[in-house]
Amino acid sequence: MTMRLAPFSILFLLAVPAPALAANEPVNVGDDFFGDPSQTVSTVQIQPGESVTWHWTGANDHTVTASSGQTERFGSKFMTSGTFQHTFPKPGRFYYYCQVHANMKGRVEVGGSPFPDTLLPKASSVKAKVSGRTAKVSFRLSEKSSVRVAVSGPSDKVTKRLLGKGKRSFKFPGLKKGSYTFSLRLKDVAGNKGKTVKKSFKVR
């Protein structure tokens, strides 16, 4: 049995647009530059959910490597030919470089300005100094963040505080003798979580 569509049904089907395909922005990887050799930092602009594809056009080894400490991680192998693609699901400004040639730098801008914070909070120079039964955990904070320090051992203690950028510390008095481990966790005001840092110390 053959079915026939009414004229208005045919018009409706013709009026329905086809699903839009996510854009794919191409970037050349040359010797020794990304994109346009006249740009110090090659920049492409896309929307969330779209991709960038890097095309090796030079003769030398190059990589596409995301700068450390960003919310978005991506990276190619060492390559002399071929392509590498990465999809960026969230808005932000993301930087990358070539591991072989430090002068090769690029940037992907996802969405529009103002861009959200895409840097992960970081604690550096983390250490514990013990005086008697008190341990002082000190560190340098890269940006304003909620900091949680948990001490585990013969005495378990936890403290959490919102701290600004710079040199910061917590004191844990009244600890029993023994071996301890503390973990330091960060979350900045944008909700980005930094790498957890763990250290050990002893109370004698």
N, C-alpha and C. Protein backbone atom coordinates (compact mmCIF):
# COMPACT_ATOMS: atom_id res chain seq x y z
N MET A 1 0.85 -1.20 0.00
CA MET A 1 0.00 0.00 0.00
C MET A 1 0.87 1.24 0.00
N THR A 2 0.67 2.15 -0.94
CA THR A 2 1.47 3.36 -1.06
C THR A 2 0.82 4.50 -0.30
N MET A 3 1.62 5.16 0.56
CA MET A 3 1.10 6.29 1.33
C MET A 3 1.49 7.59 0.65
N ARG A 4 0.56 8.51 0.64
CA ARG A 4 0.81 9.81 0.04
C ARG A 4 0.76 10.89 1.10
N LEU A 5 1.73 11.81 1.09
CA LEU A 5 1.75 12.92 2.04
C LEU A 5 0.93 14.07 1.50
N ALA A 6 0.16 14.66 2.38
CA ALA A 6 -0.61 15.83 1.99
C ALA A 6 0.34 16.97 1.65
N PRO A 7 -0.04 17.90 0.79
CA PRO A 7 0.83 19.02 0.40
C PRO A 7 1.38 19.79 1.58
N PHE A 8 0.53 20.03 2.60
CA PHE A 8 1.02 20.81 3.73
C PHE A 8 2.08 20.04 4.53
N SER A 9 2.00 18.68 4.53
CA SER A 9 3.00 17.86 5.22
C SER A 9 4.35 17.97 4.53
N ILE A 10 4.34 18.00 3.18
CA ILE A 10 5.57 18.14 2.42
C ILE A 10 6.21 19.49 2.70
N LEU A 11 5.38 20.53 2.75
CA LEU A 11 5.90 21.87 3.04
C LEU A 11 6.51 21.94 4.43
N PHE A 12 5.91 21.24 5.42
CA PHE A 12 6.42 21.24 6.79
C PHE A 12 7.79 20.58 6.85
N LEU A 13 7.93 19.44 6.15
CA LEU A 13 9.21 18.73 6.15
C LEU A 13 10.31 19.55 5.49
N LEU A 14 9.96 20.27 4.44
CA LEU A 14 10.94 21.10 3.76
C LEU A 14 11.37 22.28 4.62
N ALA A 15 10.45 22.73 5.50
CA ALA A 15 10.73 23.92 6.32
C ALA A 15 11.60 23.61 7.52
N VAL A 16 11.69 22.32 7.93
CA VAL A 16 12.49 21.94 9.10
C VAL A 16 13.97 22.01 8.74
N PRO A 17 14.77 22.86 9.43
CA PRO A 17 16.19 22.98 9.09
C PRO A 17 16.97 21.74 9.50
N ALA A 18 18.02 21.44 8.76
CA ALA A 18 18.90 20.32 9.11
C ALA A 18 19.70 20.68 10.35
N PRO A 19 20.07 19.70 11.20
CA PRO A 19 20.86 20.01 12.40
C PRO A 19 22.17 20.68 12.04
N ALA A 20 22.52 21.72 12.80
CA ALA A 20 23.76 22.44 12.53
C ALA A 20 24.96 21.63 13.00
N LEU A 21 25.99 21.61 12.20
CA LEU A 21 27.21 20.90 12.57
C LEU A 21 28.15 21.84 13.31
N ALA A 22 28.79 21.34 14.35
CA ALA A 22 29.73 22.17 15.11
C ALA A 22 30.90 22.58 14.23
N ALA A 23 31.33 23.80 14.38
CA ALA A 23 32.42 24.32 13.56
C ALA A 23 33.74 23.64 13.93
N ASN A 24 34.63 23.61 12.97
CA ASN A 24 35.95 23.03 13.17
C ASN A 24 36.96 24.01 12.60
N GLU A 25 37.68 24.71 13.49
CA GLU A 25 38.61 25.75 13.06
C GLU A 25 39.99 25.17 12.76
N PRO A 26 40.52 25.38 11.55
CA PRO A 26 41.84 24.83 11.22
C PRO A 26 42.98 25.77 11.64
N VAL A 27 44.09 25.19 12.07
CA VAL A 27 45.29 25.95 12.41
C VAL A 27 46.49 25.21 11.82
N ASN A 28 47.31 25.89 11.06
CA ASN A 28 48.51 25.28 10.50
C ASN A 28 49.62 25.21 11.55
N VAL A 29 50.39 24.13 11.52
CA VAL A 29 51.57 23.98 12.37
C VAL A 29 52.77 23.99 11.43
N GLY A 30 53.42 25.16 11.33
CA GLY A 30 54.52 25.31 10.39
C GLY A 30 55.87 25.30 11.08
N ASP A 31 56.90 25.66 10.32
CA ASP A 31 58.27 25.76 10.87
C ASP A 31 58.65 27.24 10.99
N ASP A 32 58.66 27.85 12.11
CA ASP A 32 58.26 27.36 13.42
C ASP A 32 57.22 28.33 13.95
N PHE A 33 55.96 28.07 13.63
CA PHE A 33 54.86 28.96 14.01
C PHE A 33 53.54 28.19 13.97
N PHE A 34 52.56 28.74 14.68
CA PHE A 34 51.17 28.28 14.59
C PHE A 34 50.39 29.31 13.79
N GLY A 35 49.55 28.84 12.87
CA GLY A 35 48.67 29.76 12.15
C GLY A 35 49.41 30.70 11.23
N ASP A 36 49.41 31.98 11.59
CA ASP A 36 50.03 33.03 10.79
C ASP A 36 51.43 33.33 11.35
N PRO A 37 52.49 33.21 10.55
CA PRO A 37 53.85 33.45 11.06
C PRO A 37 54.09 34.89 11.51
N SER A 38 53.20 35.81 11.11
CA SER A 38 53.37 37.21 11.53
C SER A 38 52.85 37.46 12.93
N GLN A 39 52.10 36.49 13.51
CA GLN A 39 51.55 36.64 14.85
C GLN A 39 52.49 36.04 15.89
N THR A 40 52.73 36.79 16.96
CA THR A 40 53.55 36.26 18.07
C THR A 40 52.81 35.13 18.78
N VAL A 41 51.51 35.35 19.00
CA VAL A 41 50.65 34.32 19.59
C VAL A 41 49.47 34.11 18.64
N SER A 42 49.43 32.97 17.99
CA SER A 42 48.35 32.66 17.06
C SER A 42 47.03 32.52 17.82
N THR A 43 45.98 33.19 17.36
CA THR A 43 44.70 33.18 18.07
C THR A 43 43.57 32.74 17.14
N VAL A 44 42.75 31.80 17.61
CA VAL A 44 41.53 31.41 16.90
C VAL A 44 40.36 31.56 17.85
N GLN A 45 39.19 31.82 17.30
CA GLN A 45 37.98 32.02 18.09
C GLN A 45 36.92 31.03 17.68
N ILE A 46 36.37 30.32 18.66
CA ILE A 46 35.31 29.35 18.42
C ILE A 46 34.25 29.50 19.51
N GLN A 47 33.18 28.71 19.40
CA GLN A 47 32.12 28.68 20.39
C GLN A 47 32.19 27.37 21.18
N PRO A 48 31.64 27.34 22.41
CA PRO A 48 31.65 26.10 23.20
C PRO A 48 31.05 24.93 22.41
N GLY A 49 31.72 23.78 22.46
CA GLY A 49 31.29 22.61 21.73
C GLY A 49 31.93 22.47 20.37
N GLU A 50 32.65 23.50 19.93
CA GLU A 50 33.33 23.45 18.64
C GLU A 50 34.78 22.98 18.82
N SER A 51 35.43 22.69 17.69
CA SER A 51 36.76 22.07 17.73
C SER A 51 37.80 22.92 17.00
N VAL A 52 39.05 22.61 17.32
CA VAL A 52 40.19 23.14 16.57
C VAL A 52 40.97 21.94 16.05
N THR A 53 41.35 21.98 14.78
CA THR A 53 42.19 20.94 14.19
C THR A 53 43.50 21.56 13.73
N TRP A 54 44.59 21.05 14.27
CA TRP A 54 45.92 21.52 13.89
C TRP A 54 46.45 20.64 12.77
N HIS A 55 46.95 21.27 11.69
CA HIS A 55 47.48 20.55 10.53
C HIS A 55 48.98 20.79 10.42
N TRP A 56 49.77 19.72 10.48
CA TRP A 56 51.22 19.84 10.36
C TRP A 56 51.58 20.11 8.90
N THR A 57 52.17 21.29 8.64
CA THR A 57 52.54 21.68 7.27
C THR A 57 54.03 21.86 7.11
N GLY A 58 54.78 21.82 8.21
CA GLY A 58 56.22 21.99 8.15
C GLY A 58 56.94 20.66 7.99
N ALA A 59 58.25 20.70 8.11
CA ALA A 59 59.07 19.50 7.96
C ALA A 59 59.67 19.03 9.28
N ASN A 60 59.56 19.86 10.33
CA ASN A 60 60.19 19.54 11.61
C ASN A 60 59.19 18.97 12.62
N ASP A 61 59.72 18.39 13.68
CA ASP A 61 58.89 17.91 14.79
C ASP A 61 58.26 19.08 15.54
N HIS A 62 56.97 18.95 15.88
CA HIS A 62 56.27 19.95 16.68
C HIS A 62 55.24 19.24 17.55
N THR A 63 54.81 19.93 18.60
CA THR A 63 53.68 19.46 19.40
C THR A 63 52.69 20.59 19.60
N VAL A 64 51.46 20.21 19.94
CA VAL A 64 50.46 21.14 20.44
C VAL A 64 50.24 20.74 21.89
N THR A 65 50.67 21.57 22.82
CA THR A 65 50.65 21.22 24.24
C THR A 65 49.99 22.33 25.06
N ALA A 66 48.92 21.99 25.77
CA ALA A 66 48.23 22.99 26.59
C ALA A 66 49.15 23.48 27.69
N SER A 67 49.14 24.79 27.95
CA SER A 67 49.90 25.34 29.07
C SER A 67 49.38 24.75 30.37
N SER A 68 50.27 24.52 31.32
CA SER A 68 49.87 23.88 32.58
C SER A 68 49.01 24.81 33.43
N GLY A 69 48.24 24.21 34.32
CA GLY A 69 47.45 24.99 35.26
C GLY A 69 46.14 25.50 34.72
N GLN A 70 45.68 24.99 33.55
CA GLN A 70 44.42 25.43 32.99
C GLN A 70 43.34 24.37 33.23
N THR A 71 42.07 24.80 33.17
CA THR A 71 40.97 23.87 33.36
C THR A 71 40.82 22.91 32.19
N GLU A 72 41.29 23.29 31.02
CA GLU A 72 41.21 22.45 29.82
C GLU A 72 42.59 21.89 29.50
N ARG A 73 42.68 20.57 29.38
CA ARG A 73 43.95 19.91 29.08
C ARG A 73 43.88 19.26 27.71
N PHE A 74 44.90 19.45 26.91
CA PHE A 74 44.96 18.82 25.60
C PHE A 74 46.41 18.78 25.15
N GLY A 75 46.74 17.87 24.26
CA GLY A 75 48.11 17.77 23.80
C GLY A 75 48.30 16.69 22.76
N SER A 76 49.11 16.98 21.77
CA SER A 76 49.42 16.03 20.72
C SER A 76 50.72 15.31 21.04
N LYS A 77 51.06 14.34 20.22
CA LYS A 77 52.37 13.69 20.28
C LYS A 77 53.37 14.55 19.51
N PHE A 78 54.64 14.18 19.57
CA PHE A 78 55.64 14.81 18.72
C PHE A 78 55.37 14.32 17.29
N MET A 79 55.11 15.25 16.38
CA MET A 79 54.69 14.89 15.04
C MET A 79 55.39 15.74 13.98
N THR A 80 55.59 15.14 12.79
CA THR A 80 56.10 15.89 11.64
C THR A 80 55.04 16.01 10.55
N SER A 81 53.96 15.24 10.67
CA SER A 81 52.86 15.31 9.71
C SER A 81 51.59 14.81 10.37
N GLY A 82 50.45 15.07 9.70
CA GLY A 82 49.17 14.62 10.23
C GLY A 82 48.39 15.75 10.86
N THR A 83 47.39 15.37 11.66
CA THR A 83 46.52 16.35 12.30
C THR A 83 46.26 15.97 13.76
N PHE A 84 45.87 16.96 14.53
CA PHE A 84 45.45 16.75 15.92
C PHE A 84 44.23 17.62 16.17
N GLN A 85 43.20 17.04 16.76
CA GLN A 85 41.95 17.78 16.99
C GLN A 85 41.56 17.74 18.46
N HIS A 86 41.00 18.85 18.93
CA HIS A 86 40.48 18.91 20.29
C HIS A 86 39.20 19.73 20.31
N THR A 87 38.19 19.21 21.02
CA THR A 87 36.92 19.90 21.18
C THR A 87 36.90 20.62 22.52
N PHE A 88 36.45 21.87 22.51
CA PHE A 88 36.42 22.70 23.72
C PHE A 88 34.98 22.86 24.19
N PRO A 89 34.60 22.14 25.26
CA PRO A 89 33.19 22.14 25.68
C PRO A 89 32.75 23.40 26.43
N LYS A 90 33.69 24.10 27.06
CA LYS A 90 33.32 25.23 27.91
C LYS A 90 34.02 26.51 27.46
N PRO A 91 33.42 27.67 27.77
CA PRO A 91 34.05 28.94 27.38
C PRO A 91 35.32 29.22 28.18
N GLY A 92 36.19 30.04 27.60
CA GLY A 92 37.43 30.41 28.27
C GLY A 92 38.50 30.77 27.25
N ARG A 93 39.62 31.21 27.76
CA ARG A 93 40.77 31.53 26.93
C ARG A 93 41.88 30.55 27.31
N PHE A 94 42.30 29.72 26.34
CA PHE A 94 43.23 28.64 26.61
C PHE A 94 44.50 28.79 25.77
N TYR A 95 45.64 28.63 26.42
CA TYR A 95 46.94 28.83 25.77
C TYR A 95 47.63 27.48 25.54
N TYR A 96 48.44 27.44 24.48
CA TYR A 96 49.21 26.24 24.19
C TYR A 96 50.55 26.63 23.56
N TYR A 97 51.45 25.65 23.44
CA TYR A 97 52.79 25.92 22.92
C TYR A 97 53.35 24.65 22.29
N CYS A 98 54.52 24.76 21.70
CA CYS A 98 55.23 23.61 21.15
C CYS A 98 56.36 23.24 22.10
N GLN A 99 56.45 21.98 22.45
CA GLN A 99 57.50 21.54 23.39
C GLN A 99 58.89 21.59 22.77
N VAL A 100 58.96 21.62 21.44
CA VAL A 100 60.26 21.64 20.77
C VAL A 100 60.75 23.07 20.57
N HIS A 101 59.82 23.97 20.26
CA HIS A 101 60.19 25.36 19.95
C HIS A 101 59.42 26.30 20.88
N ALA A 102 60.12 26.88 21.85
CA ALA A 102 59.48 27.71 22.87
C ALA A 102 58.83 28.97 22.28
N ASN A 103 59.29 29.40 21.11
CA ASN A 103 58.73 30.61 20.50
C ASN A 103 57.38 30.35 19.83
N MET A 104 57.00 29.10 19.68
CA MET A 104 55.71 28.75 19.07
C MET A 104 54.62 28.76 20.14
N LYS A 105 53.72 29.74 20.05
CA LYS A 105 52.66 29.89 21.04
C LYS A 105 51.32 30.14 20.36
N GLY A 106 50.26 29.65 20.98
CA GLY A 106 48.94 29.84 20.43
C GLY A 106 47.89 30.03 21.51
N ARG A 107 46.71 30.47 21.08
CA ARG A 107 45.62 30.73 22.02
C ARG A 107 44.30 30.39 21.34
N VAL A 108 43.42 29.74 22.10
CA VAL A 108 42.07 29.44 21.63
C VAL A 108 41.09 30.18 22.52
N GLU A 109 40.28 31.04 21.92
CA GLU A 109 39.27 31.79 22.66
C GLU A 109 37.91 31.15 22.39
N VAL A 110 37.33 30.60 23.45
CA VAL A 110 36.06 29.89 23.34
C VAL A 110 34.96 30.76 23.94
N GLY A 111 33.97 31.12 23.12
CA GLY A 111 32.93 32.03 23.58
C GLY A 111 33.37 33.46 23.39
N GLY A 112 32.77 34.35 24.18
CA GLY A 112 33.08 35.77 24.04
C GLY A 112 33.55 36.40 25.33
N SER A 113 34.10 37.59 25.22
CA SER A 113 34.58 38.34 26.38
C SER A 113 33.39 38.91 27.14
N PRO A 114 33.43 38.97 28.49
CA PRO A 114 34.56 38.58 29.35
C PRO A 114 34.64 37.05 29.50
N PHE A 115 35.88 36.54 29.46
CA PHE A 115 36.08 35.11 29.59
C PHE A 115 36.13 34.70 31.06
N PRO A 116 35.59 33.51 31.39
CA PRO A 116 35.64 33.05 32.79
C PRO A 116 37.08 32.69 33.20
N ASP A 117 37.27 32.57 34.49
CA ASP A 117 38.57 32.18 35.04
C ASP A 117 38.83 30.72 34.67
N THR A 118 39.92 30.46 33.96
CA THR A 118 40.25 29.09 33.55
C THR A 118 41.57 28.61 34.15
N LEU A 119 42.10 29.37 35.10
CA LEU A 119 43.33 28.96 35.77
C LEU A 119 43.01 28.21 37.06
N LEU A 120 43.66 27.09 37.28
CA LEU A 120 43.45 26.32 38.50
C LEU A 120 44.23 26.95 39.64
N PRO A 121 43.62 27.00 40.83
CA PRO A 121 44.37 27.53 41.99
C PRO A 121 45.53 26.60 42.32
N LYS A 122 46.61 27.19 42.83
CA LYS A 122 47.82 26.41 43.09
C LYS A 122 48.44 26.81 44.42
N ALA A 123 48.90 25.82 45.15
CA ALA A 123 49.64 26.05 46.39
C ALA A 123 51.09 25.64 46.16
N SER A 124 52.01 26.56 46.35
CA SER A 124 53.43 26.26 46.18
C SER A 124 54.16 26.45 47.50
N SER A 125 55.41 26.01 47.54
CA SER A 125 56.24 26.10 48.76
C SER A 125 55.52 25.54 49.98
N VAL A 126 54.87 24.39 49.79
CA VAL A 126 54.09 23.77 50.87
C VAL A 126 55.04 23.00 51.81
N LYS A 127 54.93 23.29 53.11
CA LYS A 127 55.76 22.58 54.08
C LYS A 127 55.11 22.60 55.46
N ALA A 128 55.58 21.70 56.30
CA ALA A 128 55.11 21.63 57.68
C ALA A 128 56.29 21.78 58.62
N LYS A 129 56.17 22.68 59.60
CA LYS A 129 57.20 22.90 60.59
C LYS A 129 56.64 22.56 61.96
N VAL A 130 57.33 21.68 62.67
CA VAL A 130 56.85 21.21 63.98
C VAL A 130 57.64 21.86 65.10
N SER A 131 56.92 22.38 66.08
CA SER A 131 57.52 22.95 67.28
C SER A 131 56.77 22.38 68.49
N GLY A 132 57.42 21.47 69.22
CA GLY A 132 56.73 20.82 70.33
C GLY A 132 55.59 19.96 69.82
N ARG A 133 54.36 20.26 70.27
CA ARG A 133 53.18 19.51 69.86
C ARG A 133 52.35 20.28 68.83
N THR A 134 52.94 21.31 68.25
CA THR A 134 52.22 22.14 67.27
C THR A 134 52.87 22.03 65.90
N ALA A 135 52.04 21.80 64.89
CA ALA A 135 52.52 21.76 63.50
C ALA A 135 51.98 22.98 62.78
N LYS A 136 52.87 23.67 62.07
CA LYS A 136 52.48 24.83 61.28
C LYS A 136 52.61 24.46 59.80
N VAL A 137 51.49 24.46 59.10
CA VAL A 137 51.46 24.17 57.67
C VAL A 137 51.45 25.50 56.92
N SER A 138 52.48 25.75 56.13
CA SER A 138 52.58 27.01 55.40
C SER A 138 52.65 26.75 53.90
N PHE A 139 52.23 27.74 53.12
CA PHE A 139 52.20 27.60 51.66
C PHE A 139 51.96 28.98 51.05
N ARG A 140 52.17 29.06 49.74
CA ARG A 140 51.90 30.28 48.99
C ARG A 140 50.75 30.01 48.03
N LEU A 141 49.72 30.84 48.10
CA LEU A 141 48.49 30.65 47.34
C LEU A 141 48.50 31.53 46.09
N SER A 142 48.16 30.93 44.94
CA SER A 142 48.23 31.66 43.66
C SER A 142 47.07 32.62 43.45
N GLU A 143 45.93 32.37 44.11
CA GLU A 143 44.76 33.22 43.98
C GLU A 143 43.81 32.98 45.14
N LYS A 144 42.83 33.85 45.30
CA LYS A 144 41.86 33.71 46.37
C LYS A 144 41.12 32.39 46.24
N SER A 145 41.12 31.60 47.32
CA SER A 145 40.55 30.25 47.25
C SER A 145 40.05 29.80 48.61
N SER A 146 39.15 28.84 48.55
CA SER A 146 38.74 28.12 49.77
C SER A 146 39.78 27.02 49.99
N VAL A 147 40.41 27.04 51.16
CA VAL A 147 41.51 26.11 51.45
C VAL A 147 41.08 25.16 52.57
N ARG A 148 41.24 23.87 52.31
CA ARG A 148 40.93 22.85 53.32
C ARG A 148 42.19 22.05 53.61
N VAL A 149 42.59 22.03 54.89
CA VAL A 149 43.76 21.25 55.31
C VAL A 149 43.30 20.21 56.32
N ALA A 150 43.58 18.95 56.01
CA ALA A 150 43.22 17.84 56.89
C ALA A 150 44.48 17.15 57.37
N VAL A 151 44.65 17.02 58.68
CA VAL A 151 45.80 16.34 59.28
C VAL A 151 45.33 14.99 59.80
N SER A 152 46.01 13.92 59.40
CA SER A 152 45.64 12.58 59.85
C SER A 152 46.84 11.89 60.49
N GLY A 153 46.57 11.18 61.57
CA GLY A 153 47.61 10.50 62.33
C GLY A 153 47.08 10.16 63.70
N PRO A 154 47.92 10.12 64.74
CA PRO A 154 47.44 9.88 66.10
C PRO A 154 46.37 10.88 66.52
N SER A 155 46.45 12.11 65.99
CA SER A 155 45.40 13.12 66.21
C SER A 155 44.91 13.56 64.83
N ASP A 156 43.59 13.54 64.62
CA ASP A 156 43.01 13.97 63.34
C ASP A 156 42.38 15.34 63.49
N LYS A 157 42.76 16.25 62.59
CA LYS A 157 42.21 17.61 62.64
C LYS A 157 41.96 18.12 61.23
N VAL A 158 40.92 18.95 61.09
CA VAL A 158 40.57 19.52 59.80
C VAL A 158 40.22 20.99 59.99
N THR A 159 40.69 21.82 59.09
CA THR A 159 40.31 23.22 59.11
C THR A 159 40.08 23.69 57.68
N LYS A 160 39.17 24.65 57.53
CA LYS A 160 38.83 25.17 56.20
C LYS A 160 38.61 26.67 56.31
N ARG A 161 39.18 27.40 55.32
CA ARG A 161 39.09 28.86 55.37
C ARG A 161 39.20 29.46 53.97
N LEU A 162 38.55 30.58 53.77
CA LEU A 162 38.68 31.32 52.52
C LEU A 162 39.84 32.30 52.67
N LEU A 163 40.87 32.13 51.81
CA LEU A 163 42.08 32.93 51.95
C LEU A 163 42.42 33.65 50.64
N GLY A 164 43.07 34.77 50.77
CA GLY A 164 43.50 35.54 49.61
C GLY A 164 44.85 35.07 49.10
N LYS A 165 45.23 35.61 47.96
CA LYS A 165 46.50 35.27 47.32
C LYS A 165 47.68 35.66 48.23
N GLY A 166 48.74 34.84 48.20
CA GLY A 166 49.94 35.17 48.96
C GLY A 166 50.35 34.07 49.91
N LYS A 167 51.26 34.41 50.83
CA LYS A 167 51.78 33.44 51.79
C LYS A 167 50.78 33.26 52.92
N ARG A 168 50.42 32.00 53.18
CA ARG A 168 49.41 31.69 54.19
C ARG A 168 49.85 30.49 55.04
N SER A 169 49.20 30.31 56.20
CA SER A 169 49.56 29.18 57.06
C SER A 169 48.42 28.82 58.00
N PHE A 170 48.46 27.58 58.49
CA PHE A 170 47.54 27.07 59.50
C PHE A 170 48.37 26.47 60.63
N LYS A 171 47.88 26.59 61.86
CA LYS A 171 48.54 25.96 62.99
C LYS A 171 47.63 24.89 63.59
N PHE A 172 48.25 23.76 63.94
CA PHE A 172 47.53 22.65 64.54
C PHE A 172 48.19 22.30 65.87
N PRO A 173 47.70 22.88 66.99
CA PRO A 173 48.31 22.62 68.31
C PRO A 173 47.76 21.33 68.94
N GLY A 174 48.42 20.88 69.98
CA GLY A 174 47.93 19.75 70.77
C GLY A 174 47.98 18.41 70.08
N LEU A 175 48.96 18.20 69.20
CA LEU A 175 49.06 16.92 68.50
C LEU A 175 49.79 15.89 69.37
N LYS A 176 49.35 14.66 69.28
CA LYS A 176 50.03 13.58 69.97
C LYS A 176 51.29 13.19 69.21
N LYS A 177 52.20 12.52 69.89
CA LYS A 177 53.42 12.07 69.23
C LYS A 177 53.09 11.03 68.16
N GLY A 178 53.87 11.06 67.08
CA GLY A 178 53.67 10.08 66.03
C GLY A 178 53.86 10.66 64.63
N SER A 179 53.57 9.83 63.63
CA SER A 179 53.72 10.23 62.23
C SER A 179 52.39 10.74 61.69
N TYR A 180 52.47 11.81 60.90
CA TYR A 180 51.27 12.45 60.36
C TYR A 180 51.39 12.68 58.85
N THR A 181 50.23 12.81 58.24
CA THR A 181 50.13 13.23 56.84
C THR A 181 49.06 14.31 56.76
N PHE A 182 49.37 15.37 56.03
CA PHE A 182 48.33 16.37 55.82
C PHE A 182 48.06 16.52 54.33
N SER A 183 46.81 16.81 54.00
CA SER A 183 46.42 17.04 52.61
C SER A 183 45.84 18.44 52.50
N LEU A 184 46.21 19.14 51.45
CA LEU A 184 45.78 20.51 51.23
C LEU A 184 44.99 20.57 49.94
N ARG A 185 43.73 20.99 50.03
CA ARG A 185 42.85 21.05 48.86
C ARG A 185 42.38 22.49 48.63
N LEU A 186 42.26 22.85 47.34
CA LEU A 186 41.91 24.22 46.97
C LEU A 186 40.71 24.27 46.03
N LYS A 187 39.91 25.31 46.18
CA LYS A 187 38.85 25.61 45.21
C LYS A 187 38.71 27.12 45.13
N ASP A 188 38.92 27.70 43.95
CA ASP A 188 38.86 29.16 43.83
C ASP A 188 37.42 29.65 43.75
N VAL A 189 37.24 30.95 43.69
CA VAL A 189 35.90 31.53 43.73
C VAL A 189 35.10 31.20 42.47
N ALA A 190 35.78 30.77 41.39
CA ALA A 190 35.09 30.37 40.16
C ALA A 190 34.69 28.90 40.19
N GLY A 191 35.07 28.20 41.26
CA GLY A 191 34.73 26.79 41.39
C GLY A 191 35.77 25.84 40.83
N ASN A 192 36.91 26.37 40.36
CA ASN A 192 37.99 25.53 39.83
C ASN A 192 38.75 24.88 40.99
N LYS A 193 39.00 23.58 40.88
CA LYS A 193 39.69 22.85 41.94
C LYS A 193 41.15 22.61 41.56
N GLY A 194 42.04 22.95 42.47
CA GLY A 194 43.46 22.75 42.25
C GLY A 194 43.89 21.35 42.63
N LYS A 195 45.14 21.04 42.33
CA LYS A 195 45.71 19.74 42.63
C LYS A 195 45.91 19.59 44.14
N THR A 196 45.47 18.45 44.69
CA THR A 196 45.65 18.17 46.11
C THR A 196 47.13 17.92 46.42
N VAL A 197 47.62 18.57 47.46
CA VAL A 197 49.03 18.41 47.86
C VAL A 197 49.07 17.65 49.18
N LYS A 198 49.93 16.63 49.24
CA LYS A 198 50.08 15.85 50.46
C LYS A 198 51.53 15.85 50.94
N LYS A 199 51.70 15.99 52.24
CA LYS A 199 53.03 15.99 52.86
C LYS A 199 52.98 15.22 54.16
N SER A 200 54.15 14.77 54.61
CA SER A 200 54.25 14.04 55.87
C SER A 200 55.14 14.79 56.86
N PHE A 201 54.90 14.57 58.15
CA PHE A 201 55.74 15.14 59.20
C PHE A 201 55.61 14.28 60.47
N LYS A 202 56.49 14.53 61.43
CA LYS A 202 56.48 13.77 62.68
C LYS A 202 56.43 14.69 63.88
N VAL A 203 55.71 14.28 64.87
CA VAL A 203 55.70 14.97 66.17
C VAL A 203 56.43 14.06 67.14
N ARG A 204 57.53 14.53 67.72
CA ARG A 204 58.37 13.68 68.55
C ARG A 204 58.15 13.96 70.04
